[in-house]
Structures are given as structure tokens and as C-alpha cells.
Amino acid sequence: MDFNTFDFHPKVAAGIAAAGYTTPTPIQVRAIPEVLQGRDVMGLAQTGTGKTAAFALPIINRLIKGRRGTLRALVVAPTRELAEQIHESFRTLGRRSGLRSSAVYGGVGINPQIDRLRRGVDILVACPGRLLDHIERRTVDLSRLEVLVLDEADQMFDMGFFPDIRRIVARLPNERQTLLFSATMPEEIKKLTREVLRRPVTVQVDRVAPAATVSHALYPVAPHLKTAVLLELLRHTDTGSVLVFTRTKHRARTLGRKLENAGYRAASLQGNLSQNRRKAALDGFRDGRFQMLVATDIAARGIDVSQVSHVINYDIPDTPEAYIHRIGRTGRAARSGDAFTLATPEDNSMVRSIERVLGAPLERRHLEDFDYQRAAPRRNGEFSRPPRTASRNRRPAWIGRGTKPGAGSGRRRSSSRPRKARRGSLQAALA
């Protein structure tokens, strides 16, 4: 089967050929015909299965015949990285269509986004918070919207975006086509689908299942030896591009520096970075300037890098689904990949949960000639936060709270005279 089967508009077919697409993936085979018919679709598929093209191509095919410069398709995504990736996919696949796409998200100035919206766009890819900013400023017109896509719905739920999603949906025309894509289907997602989709068709591909091209290994280790084990593991492993996951932003930043000091071309990706620095880290990882990228789960979805040879869980994820999303960054495009996890004794419960999802035990490995009996330091400062330096410009913490410490009930008076009780509180106590 090839893309000619879908009978796309010639300009859409030209965009597909220019992008180098030849054979549709399973999610594309199942979803594209339903979307082309105008039906609401609930798609269950992991990241890296080609679902962006599964909704982008039918949308471009639909909009190519209508009025230009009017916002007719909206894609809502949880992260800036994913929004940019989807936006680039629309630009690549629709380069022959003449349609204009734009992306809006926080962390960057809003005025350039307003200028682009005023010039007219056909397709908008947006993160929920910044989209609501534009709605409140009346800089985006959703009155003629025809298609809504909610991508990575389960991650948007995890990030607390569902109230924002409901506020956005309330501003949209009732007559529209709605597409929802999610890697997992917890009860909250089912409830959302009942709210926003009408008689949807369900398209399911490889739900909560790891890629068959990925091999898994577990390295049991004491918490204080994680970095030493990671460095030793990297020294004895033939790696290409390596994606390392940590639990916190601070740890991603610190571990990135340690890898860089050890001689690796490494960068970190975490939420405290400016958008320009996040983009520089991702671009450098894609083009090979950085061999290693240390990231929090913000990067688990939305990184479209097909040549990641290894995913290393420096910190084990919080859920088995997050494990699947992380390792989905390797073993892509028919390539093989490896997923290594450093697990402490405290992680045993999550390891068992992951093994239940995988349907097989994870292979336990130990590094030869490594001293696993090395004692922990008295105070493990490996990832402790640096002390905050005093600044003349720093305001005292009590400013803005209305009461200076010692002026309210937070500090005992030095006088021995008993303190007067408030009349209301005394009456309440005696009631």
C-alpha cells in the first residue's frame, strides 16, 4: 500500500513526495480514511508511530479547497517542543498547498505571534496557556474553525491542562470535526472524549506496548553510585545519540554538566531554560553537535529524532506508561535501540509494574570490575542545590505577604504581658 491509495489532492500528493514519504504507517492506514470522511476520531497510538501525518495530511487536503487566511484548523499540544514539531510537519507536508501554519506557545514574546495571526493563518498549533492568552486578547478568531485536534491528550491531563482545554472547547463552533490522540486511555481521557467527540470511530495501534526493535536492561545500583555507573556504562558501550532521562530539572542540568566535564558533547533540556536555549539544545541533538541530551519527561514526547541509539533512565519514571513513552525515543524507523534503566532498591515496586506491562522480566546486568561496595559519602552533595547568594536587590521574603515577621502571630512577643485574644476567635473557642 502507498499514499496514492488515499486519492489526495495533487498538491498534497506533491508535498508527500517532497517529504520523502512512501509507505503509510499502520496508524496512517487506519486513521486517514476516517478523517477524510469527516468523522470524529479517537486515536490510540504511541509517539513515533506517524500519527502527526495521520491528521495533518487529511487536514491539508480539506483546507486546500477553501478560503485562505482564515483560521480553520487548530491543533492543541502539551509542550512547546511538540507544538513546533507539529507546525514543522504541516509546513513540510503542505509546502505545495499554499496554506499558512503558525505555532503559539509561552516562554517567548507574544507580540510576534500576534503579528503573524493578524496576517492570517489557516492552521494554528498551540499550547493551551498561550492560546487562552490570545483568546482573552481577542487576537485569535476561532469562529470559523472546522477541525480541532487534541494531541497527546494523556500528557495534557498529567500536566493539568484539562480545565484549559474545556475553556478552549467552549469557544469553538459546535459544528466541527474533532480528533483526539492519546498513548493511553485512563478514565479521565474517556470522559473528555464523551464531552468533545461525537460518535467517534476508535483507531488503535500498539496501545501501551513497547517497540519490538528495543532491547531492555536493568542495572541495579545504590543511589550514590548512579553517576559513576552511568559513566562506566557509557565507557563500555558503543553508542550513537543518547537520550538520558532524569526526574527533576535541577538533576538534568547538573548531570548534563557532569557529562560535559567528562568529555562528552552533552546538553540538558528542562523547563527552566528559555525557548531559545531549549531549541538550541534540541537542534544540536538532532544535527549531531550534541551526542547526549539529558532531559526531564518534558522531552519524552515531541522529540522527533529517528537516530537515537540509546535511552537511559537515570531516574526510573513514575508510571509504566511513562517508561513506554521514554523508550519510544529509540528503536524508530525500523532501527534497533537499547533502553537502560538504573534502578535503586526503592524502585523495586515500579520495576515490577513495568515488567507486568512488558509481559517479561527486565534483564539484570552488572558492570564487571566496578566497585559496587563503594561507601556513600557522609553527605551526598552530588545533586544538592547550590546555596543562594545574597543580593542587595533581593526583596525580603515577607514583602508582598502583608506582614513583617514578628509583627503578626508568627513570632512570640518578648513581653511577659499576656496577649489579647481576638474577640471573634475567643467567642468561637467558647461556642
Protein backbone atom coordinates (compact mmCIF):
# COMPACT_ATOMS: atom_id res chain seq x y z
CA MET A 1 0.00 0.00 0.00
CA ASP A 2 1.21 3.53 -0.77
CA PHE A 3 -0.11 7.07 -0.26
CA ASN A 4 -1.72 7.11 -3.71
CA THR A 5 -4.41 4.85 -2.25
CA PHE A 6 -5.88 7.81 -0.34
CA ASP A 7 -6.52 9.85 -3.52
CA PHE A 8 -5.16 13.10 -2.08
CA HIS A 9 -5.31 16.41 -3.93
CA PRO A 10 -2.38 16.63 -6.39
CA LYS A 11 -0.73 19.40 -4.35
CA VAL A 12 -0.98 17.29 -1.19
CA ALA A 13 0.48 14.30 -3.06
CA ALA A 14 3.32 16.54 -4.23
CA GLY A 15 4.04 17.54 -0.62
CA ILE A 16 4.11 13.88 0.41
CA ALA A 17 6.59 13.06 -2.33
CA ALA A 18 8.76 16.08 -1.47
CA ALA A 19 8.85 14.93 2.17
CA GLY A 20 10.10 11.51 1.07
CA TYR A 21 7.08 9.58 2.38
CA THR A 22 6.43 6.35 0.50
CA THR A 23 4.59 3.78 2.64
CA PRO A 24 1.98 4.80 5.26
CA THR A 25 2.34 3.53 8.81
CA PRO A 26 -0.43 1.45 10.47
CA ILE A 27 -1.94 4.47 12.26
CA GLN A 28 -1.99 6.37 8.96
CA VAL A 29 -3.61 3.45 7.13
CA ARG A 30 -6.40 3.28 9.71
CA ALA A 31 -6.91 6.95 10.59
CA ILE A 32 -6.55 8.82 7.29
CA PRO A 33 -9.66 7.35 5.57
CA GLU A 34 -11.81 8.13 8.63
CA VAL A 35 -10.52 11.70 8.90
CA LEU A 36 -11.01 12.25 5.17
CA GLN A 37 -14.67 11.26 5.59
CA GLY A 38 -15.09 13.98 8.21
CA ARG A 39 -15.66 11.65 11.15
CA ASP A 40 -14.52 12.34 14.71
CA VAL A 41 -11.62 10.05 15.55
CA MET A 42 -10.17 8.82 18.83
CA GLY A 43 -6.67 7.54 18.05
CA LEU A 44 -4.64 5.38 20.41
CA ALA A 45 -1.02 5.29 19.35
CA GLN A 46 2.43 5.78 20.80
CA THR A 47 4.71 8.65 19.90
CA GLY A 48 6.78 7.81 16.83
CA THR A 49 4.07 5.86 15.00
CA GLY A 50 3.43 8.59 12.42
CA LYS A 51 0.21 9.98 13.91
CA THR A 52 1.10 13.61 13.12
CA ALA A 53 0.87 12.90 9.39
CA ALA A 54 -2.25 10.82 10.09
CA PHE A 55 -4.14 14.01 10.94
CA ALA A 56 -2.02 16.63 9.12
CA LEU A 57 -2.46 15.19 5.61
CA PRO A 58 -6.28 14.96 5.72
CA ILE A 59 -6.47 18.45 7.23
CA ILE A 60 -4.32 19.93 4.46
CA ASN A 61 -6.41 18.05 1.91
CA ARG A 62 -9.59 19.53 3.42
CA LEU A 63 -8.41 23.12 3.72
CA ILE A 64 -6.74 23.36 0.30
CA LYS A 65 -10.10 23.98 -1.41
CA GLY A 66 -11.41 26.68 0.92
CA ARG A 67 -10.81 30.31 1.77
CA ARG A 68 -7.23 31.23 2.61
CA GLY A 69 -6.00 33.26 5.57
CA THR A 70 -8.88 32.19 7.83
CA LEU A 71 -8.17 30.01 10.85
CA ARG A 72 -9.92 26.73 10.06
CA ALA A 73 -7.82 24.09 11.85
CA LEU A 74 -6.50 24.13 15.43
CA VAL A 75 -4.08 21.62 16.97
CA VAL A 76 -3.60 21.77 20.75
CA ALA A 77 -0.40 20.18 22.10
CA PRO A 78 1.03 19.99 25.64
CA THR A 79 4.61 21.23 25.10
CA ARG A 80 6.47 23.83 23.06
CA GLU A 81 8.68 21.16 21.50
CA LEU A 82 5.72 19.13 20.30
CA ALA A 83 3.92 22.25 19.04
CA GLU A 84 6.97 23.24 16.98
CA GLN A 85 7.34 19.70 15.65
CA ILE A 86 3.70 19.57 14.52
CA HIS A 87 3.98 23.04 12.99
CA GLU A 88 7.06 21.95 11.02
CA SER A 89 5.21 18.84 9.82
CA PHE A 90 2.39 20.99 8.46
CA ARG A 91 4.92 23.25 6.74
CA THR A 92 6.77 20.28 5.22
CA LEU A 93 3.72 18.32 4.08
CA GLY A 94 1.81 21.41 2.95
CA ARG A 95 4.61 23.27 1.21
CA ARG A 96 2.86 22.88 -2.17
CA SER A 97 -0.59 23.76 -0.82
CA GLY A 98 -0.13 27.48 -0.15
CA LEU A 99 -1.65 27.07 3.33
CA ARG A 100 -0.09 29.01 6.18
CA SER A 101 0.63 27.42 9.57
CA SER A 102 1.79 29.06 12.78
CA ALA A 103 2.63 27.93 16.31
CA VAL A 104 1.94 29.82 19.55
CA TYR A 105 3.27 28.89 22.98
CA GLY A 106 4.59 30.51 26.12
CA GLY A 107 8.17 31.32 27.03
CA VAL A 108 8.59 33.69 24.08
CA GLY A 109 7.22 37.14 23.25
CA ILE A 110 3.55 37.30 22.36
CA ASN A 111 3.74 40.30 20.01
CA PRO A 112 5.42 38.48 17.09
CA GLN A 113 2.73 35.82 17.41
CA ILE A 114 0.03 38.48 17.28
CA ASP A 115 1.59 39.92 14.12
CA ARG A 116 1.57 36.52 12.41
CA LEU A 117 -2.04 35.91 13.41
CA ARG A 118 -3.11 39.29 12.07
CA ARG A 119 -1.52 38.50 8.71
CA GLY A 120 -3.76 35.44 8.54
CA VAL A 121 -3.14 31.72 9.15
CA ASP A 122 -5.04 28.65 8.07
CA ILE A 123 -3.67 26.22 10.66
CA LEU A 124 -2.70 27.06 14.24
CA VAL A 125 -0.71 24.77 16.56
CA ALA A 126 -0.93 25.97 20.15
CA CYS A 127 -0.17 25.17 23.76
CA PRO A 128 -3.24 25.68 25.97
CA GLY A 129 -1.99 28.51 28.19
CA ARG A 130 -0.74 30.78 25.42
CA LEU A 131 -3.82 30.05 23.30
CA LEU A 132 -6.03 31.27 26.15
CA ASP A 133 -3.89 34.42 26.35
CA HIS A 134 -4.65 35.09 22.68
CA ILE A 135 -8.33 34.33 23.17
CA GLU A 136 -8.56 36.80 26.05
CA ARG A 137 -6.71 39.44 23.99
CA ARG A 138 -9.01 38.72 21.05
CA THR A 139 -6.01 38.26 18.79
CA VAL A 140 -7.23 34.90 17.51
CA ASP A 141 -10.56 34.27 15.76
CA LEU A 142 -11.93 30.77 16.25
CA SER A 143 -15.41 31.44 14.88
CA ARG A 144 -14.77 29.68 11.56
CA LEU A 145 -12.87 26.70 12.90
CA GLU A 146 -13.63 23.43 11.11
CA VAL A 147 -11.19 20.94 12.68
CA LEU A 148 -9.88 20.57 16.25
CA VAL A 149 -7.05 18.18 17.13
CA LEU A 150 -6.13 17.35 20.73
CA ASP A 151 -2.73 15.66 20.57
CA GLU A 152 -1.11 13.71 23.43
CA ALA A 153 -4.28 14.05 25.50
CA ASP A 154 -2.98 11.92 28.36
CA GLN A 155 0.08 14.12 28.77
CA MET A 156 -2.12 17.22 28.79
CA PHE A 157 -4.10 15.62 31.59
CA ASP A 158 -0.91 14.80 33.51
CA MET A 159 0.20 18.42 33.17
CA GLY A 160 -3.12 19.75 34.50
CA PHE A 161 -4.36 21.25 31.21
CA PHE A 162 -7.87 19.78 31.14
CA PRO A 163 -9.57 22.88 32.67
CA ASP A 164 -7.86 24.97 29.98
CA ILE A 165 -8.94 22.50 27.28
CA ARG A 166 -12.55 22.78 28.38
CA ARG A 167 -12.35 26.60 28.33
CA ILE A 168 -10.93 26.46 24.79
CA VAL A 169 -13.54 23.99 23.53
CA ALA A 170 -16.31 26.24 24.91
CA ARG A 171 -15.14 28.99 22.50
CA LEU A 172 -15.28 26.78 19.39
CA PRO A 173 -18.13 26.27 16.92
CA ASN A 174 -20.31 23.28 17.75
CA GLU A 175 -20.22 22.11 14.15
CA ARG A 176 -16.67 20.89 13.74
CA GLN A 177 -14.61 17.74 13.29
CA THR A 178 -12.68 16.72 16.41
CA LEU A 179 -9.69 14.36 16.52
CA LEU A 180 -8.16 13.18 19.80
CA PHE A 181 -4.91 11.25 20.02
CA SER A 182 -3.53 9.66 23.16
CA ALA A 183 -0.99 6.98 24.03
CA THR A 184 -3.08 5.70 26.94
CA MET A 185 -6.78 5.78 27.79
CA PRO A 186 -7.34 6.39 31.51
CA GLU A 187 -10.84 7.18 32.75
CA GLU A 188 -10.26 10.94 32.57
CA ILE A 189 -9.49 10.72 28.84
CA LYS A 190 -12.62 8.64 28.26
CA LYS A 191 -14.67 11.31 30.00
CA LEU A 192 -13.12 14.02 27.82
CA THR A 193 -13.87 12.09 24.64
CA ARG A 194 -17.52 11.86 25.66
CA GLU A 195 -17.56 15.64 26.14
CA VAL A 196 -15.88 16.80 22.92
CA LEU A 197 -16.28 14.00 20.34
CA ARG A 198 -19.47 13.00 18.52
CA ARG A 199 -19.92 9.34 17.61
CA PRO A 200 -16.16 8.85 17.22
CA VAL A 201 -14.50 5.97 15.47
CA THR A 202 -11.67 4.44 17.52
CA VAL A 203 -8.35 3.75 15.81
CA GLN A 204 -5.94 1.77 17.96
CA VAL A 205 -2.33 0.87 17.18
CA ASP A 206 0.16 -0.69 19.61
CA ARG A 207 -1.51 0.61 22.73
CA VAL A 208 0.83 0.64 25.74
CA ALA A 209 3.27 -1.70 24.08
CA PRO A 210 6.98 -1.14 23.59
CA ALA A 211 8.55 -1.16 20.17
CA ALA A 212 9.76 -4.62 19.17
CA THR A 213 13.03 -3.07 17.99
CA VAL A 214 14.05 -2.00 21.52
CA SER A 215 16.00 -4.24 23.92
CA HIS A 216 15.76 -3.59 27.66
CA ALA A 217 18.25 -3.92 30.51
CA LEU A 218 18.19 -3.05 34.20
CA TYR A 219 21.26 -2.01 36.20
CA PRO A 220 20.65 -2.31 39.96
CA VAL A 221 22.66 0.36 41.78
CA ALA A 222 22.83 2.26 45.05
CA PRO A 223 21.62 5.88 44.74
CA HIS A 224 25.05 7.38 45.45
CA LEU A 225 26.68 5.31 42.67
CA LYS A 226 24.32 6.26 39.84
CA THR A 227 26.60 8.78 38.15
CA ALA A 228 29.65 6.51 38.46
CA VAL A 229 27.69 3.59 36.95
CA LEU A 230 26.39 5.80 34.14
CA LEU A 231 29.89 6.99 33.21
CA GLU A 232 31.27 3.44 33.37
CA LEU A 233 28.36 2.17 31.28
CA LEU A 234 28.97 4.82 28.63
CA ARG A 235 32.69 3.99 28.51
CA HIS A 236 31.95 0.35 27.70
CA THR A 237 29.03 0.87 25.31
CA ASP A 238 29.15 1.66 21.62
CA THR A 239 26.62 4.47 21.44
CA GLY A 240 25.34 6.91 18.86
CA SER A 241 22.96 9.59 20.08
CA VAL A 242 21.97 9.03 23.72
CA LEU A 243 18.91 10.42 25.49
CA VAL A 244 19.18 10.39 29.31
CA PHE A 245 16.08 10.93 31.46
CA THR A 246 16.09 12.39 34.97
CA ARG A 247 13.26 13.08 37.36
CA THR A 248 13.91 16.77 38.10
CA LYS A 249 15.02 19.86 36.22
CA HIS A 250 17.90 20.52 38.62
CA ARG A 251 19.22 16.98 38.22
CA ALA A 252 19.03 17.22 34.41
CA ARG A 253 21.05 20.43 34.47
CA THR A 254 23.64 19.07 36.91
CA LEU A 255 24.04 15.71 35.19
CA GLY A 256 24.42 17.45 31.84
CA ARG A 257 27.34 19.43 33.24
CA LYS A 258 28.93 16.29 34.68
CA LEU A 259 28.76 14.51 31.34
CA GLU A 260 30.23 17.57 29.64
CA ASN A 261 33.05 17.68 32.19
CA ALA A 262 33.70 14.00 31.49
CA GLY A 263 34.39 14.85 27.86
CA TYR A 264 31.03 14.14 26.24
CA ARG A 265 29.25 16.54 23.92
CA ALA A 266 26.20 16.91 26.16
CA ALA A 267 23.36 19.34 26.71
CA SER A 268 20.35 19.44 29.01
CA LEU A 269 16.69 20.10 28.22
CA GLN A 270 14.40 21.16 31.04
CA GLY A 271 11.63 23.61 31.80
CA ASN A 272 13.76 26.39 33.30
CA LEU A 273 15.54 27.05 30.01
CA SER A 274 14.44 29.86 27.73
CA GLN A 275 12.79 28.84 24.50
CA ASN A 276 15.88 29.82 22.51
CA ARG A 277 18.14 27.61 24.67
CA ARG A 278 15.70 24.71 24.52
CA LYS A 279 15.58 25.00 20.75
CA ALA A 280 19.39 25.19 20.57
CA ALA A 281 19.69 22.02 22.68
CA LEU A 282 17.19 20.12 20.53
CA ASP A 283 18.65 21.34 17.25
CA GLY A 284 22.16 20.44 18.41
CA PHE A 285 20.99 16.95 19.38
CA ARG A 286 19.25 16.47 16.04
CA ASP A 287 22.19 17.56 13.91
CA GLY A 288 24.82 15.69 15.96
CA ARG A 289 26.56 18.62 17.65
CA PHE A 290 25.47 17.09 20.95
CA GLN A 291 25.91 13.36 21.35
CA MET A 292 23.92 13.27 24.58
CA LEU A 293 20.80 15.07 25.73
CA VAL A 294 19.81 14.94 29.40
CA ALA A 295 16.12 15.70 29.78
CA THR A 296 13.14 15.58 32.08
CA ASP A 297 9.90 13.98 30.93
CA ILE A 298 9.06 17.20 29.11
CA ALA A 299 11.14 15.63 26.31
CA ALA A 300 9.55 12.19 26.48
CA ARG A 301 7.09 13.17 23.78
CA GLY A 302 7.68 15.59 20.98
CA ILE A 303 11.32 14.87 20.19
CA ASP A 304 11.40 13.65 16.62
CA VAL A 305 14.93 12.26 16.36
CA SER A 306 14.99 8.98 14.47
CA GLN A 307 18.60 8.02 15.18
CA VAL A 308 18.66 7.80 19.00
CA SER A 309 20.66 4.65 19.70
CA HIS A 310 20.15 4.52 23.48
CA VAL A 311 17.64 5.75 26.03
CA ILE A 312 18.98 5.69 29.59
CA ASN A 313 16.66 6.12 32.55
CA TYR A 314 18.98 7.71 35.08
CA ASP A 315 15.87 8.00 37.25
CA ILE A 316 13.12 5.46 36.82
CA PRO A 317 9.84 7.03 35.61
CA ASP A 318 6.75 7.37 37.80
CA THR A 319 4.49 5.11 35.72
CA PRO A 320 4.88 2.18 33.31
CA GLU A 321 3.26 4.31 30.60
CA ALA A 322 5.97 6.95 31.07
CA TYR A 323 8.56 4.20 30.64
CA ILE A 324 6.99 3.25 27.31
CA HIS A 325 6.96 6.88 26.18
CA ARG A 326 10.61 7.35 27.12
CA ILE A 327 11.95 4.29 25.39
CA GLY A 328 9.81 5.15 22.37
CA ARG A 329 12.53 7.68 21.51
CA THR A 330 14.78 4.84 20.31
CA GLY A 331 14.23 1.89 18.00
CA ARG A 332 12.43 4.11 15.49
CA ALA A 333 12.16 3.93 11.71
CA ALA A 334 12.91 0.18 11.71
CA ARG A 335 16.20 0.75 13.57
CA SER A 336 17.18 -1.16 16.69
CA GLY A 337 17.73 0.58 20.01
CA ASP A 338 18.61 -0.06 23.63
CA ALA A 339 16.87 1.07 26.81
CA PHE A 340 18.94 1.00 30.01
CA THR A 341 17.47 1.75 33.44
CA LEU A 342 19.43 2.49 36.63
CA ALA A 343 17.29 1.17 39.47
CA THR A 344 17.77 1.59 43.21
CA PRO A 345 16.18 -0.69 45.84
CA GLU A 346 13.45 1.93 46.32
CA ASP A 347 12.45 1.43 42.67
CA ASN A 348 11.56 -2.26 43.01
CA SER A 349 7.81 -1.68 43.04
CA MET A 350 7.89 0.35 39.82
CA VAL A 351 10.23 -2.20 38.20
CA ARG A 352 7.62 -4.90 38.84
CA SER A 353 4.89 -2.70 37.35
CA ILE A 354 6.96 -2.08 34.22
CA GLU A 355 7.66 -5.79 33.87
CA ARG A 356 3.92 -6.53 34.04
CA VAL A 357 3.31 -4.12 31.16
CA LEU A 358 6.19 -5.58 29.14
CA GLY A 359 5.00 -9.10 29.86
CA ALA A 360 8.54 -10.24 30.67
CA PRO A 361 11.20 -9.60 33.33
CA LEU A 362 13.85 -6.99 32.62
CA GLU A 363 17.31 -8.43 32.19
CA ARG A 364 19.51 -7.62 35.20
CA ARG A 365 23.05 -6.59 34.35
CA HIS A 366 26.14 -5.69 36.38
CA LEU A 367 29.29 -3.95 35.23
CA GLU A 368 32.44 -6.00 35.51
CA ASP A 369 35.27 -4.63 37.62
CA PHE A 370 33.04 -1.94 39.11
CA ASP A 371 33.19 -1.44 42.88
CA TYR A 372 29.55 -1.67 43.92
CA GLN A 373 30.60 -1.72 47.59
CA ARG A 374 31.91 1.82 47.50
CA ALA A 375 30.65 3.57 50.62
CA ALA A 376 28.33 6.51 50.37
CA PRO A 377 29.76 9.87 51.40
CA ARG A 378 28.68 11.26 54.74
CA ARG A 379 26.67 13.88 52.95
CA ASN A 380 25.77 13.13 49.37
CA GLY A 381 26.06 16.52 47.75
CA GLU A 382 26.13 15.22 44.20
CA PHE A 383 22.87 16.86 43.29
CA SER A 384 22.36 19.25 46.18
CA ARG A 385 21.29 22.70 45.17
CA PRO A 386 23.95 25.41 45.37
CA PRO A 387 23.45 27.92 48.19
CA ARG A 388 21.54 31.03 47.27
CA THR A 389 23.79 34.05 47.28
CA ALA A 390 22.69 37.24 48.94
CA SER A 391 21.73 40.10 46.69
CA ARG A 392 21.21 43.72 47.51
CA ASN A 393 18.33 43.78 45.08
CA ARG A 394 16.59 40.75 46.57
CA ARG A 395 13.43 41.74 48.42
CA PRO A 396 12.85 40.29 51.89
CA ALA A 397 10.63 37.25 51.72
CA TRP A 398 7.92 38.90 53.82
CA ILE A 399 7.35 41.70 51.32
CA GLY A 400 4.11 41.10 49.48
CA ARG A 401 2.67 38.93 52.28
CA GLY A 402 1.36 41.95 54.09
CA THR A 403 3.09 41.32 57.43
CA LYS A 404 6.68 41.52 58.51
CA PRO A 405 7.94 38.55 60.56
CA GLY A 406 7.45 39.31 64.21
CA ALA A 407 4.66 41.77 63.51
CA GLY A 408 1.93 39.14 63.38
CA SER A 409 1.20 35.87 65.07
CA GLY A 410 4.26 34.14 63.65
CA ARG A 411 6.68 35.17 66.43
CA ARG A 412 6.26 35.24 70.20
CA ARG A 413 6.38 38.64 71.90
CA SER A 414 9.24 39.32 74.24
CA SER A 415 6.93 40.93 76.79
CA SER A 416 5.59 38.75 79.60
CA ARG A 417 2.24 40.53 79.45
CA PRO A 418 -0.42 38.12 78.15
CA ARG A 419 -1.52 38.71 74.62
CA LYS A 420 -5.04 39.89 73.92
CA ALA A 421 -7.14 37.35 72.13
CA ARG A 422 -9.23 38.44 69.20
CA ARG A 423 -12.85 38.79 70.17
CA GLY A 424 -14.13 36.65 67.32
CA SER A 425 -11.67 33.82 67.90
CA LEU A 426 -12.39 33.78 71.67
CA GLN A 427 -16.11 33.58 71.07
CA ALA A 428 -15.57 30.79 68.59
CA ALA A 429 -13.46 28.87 71.08
CA LEU A 430 -16.11 29.14 73.78
CA ALA A 431 -19.00 28.28 71.50
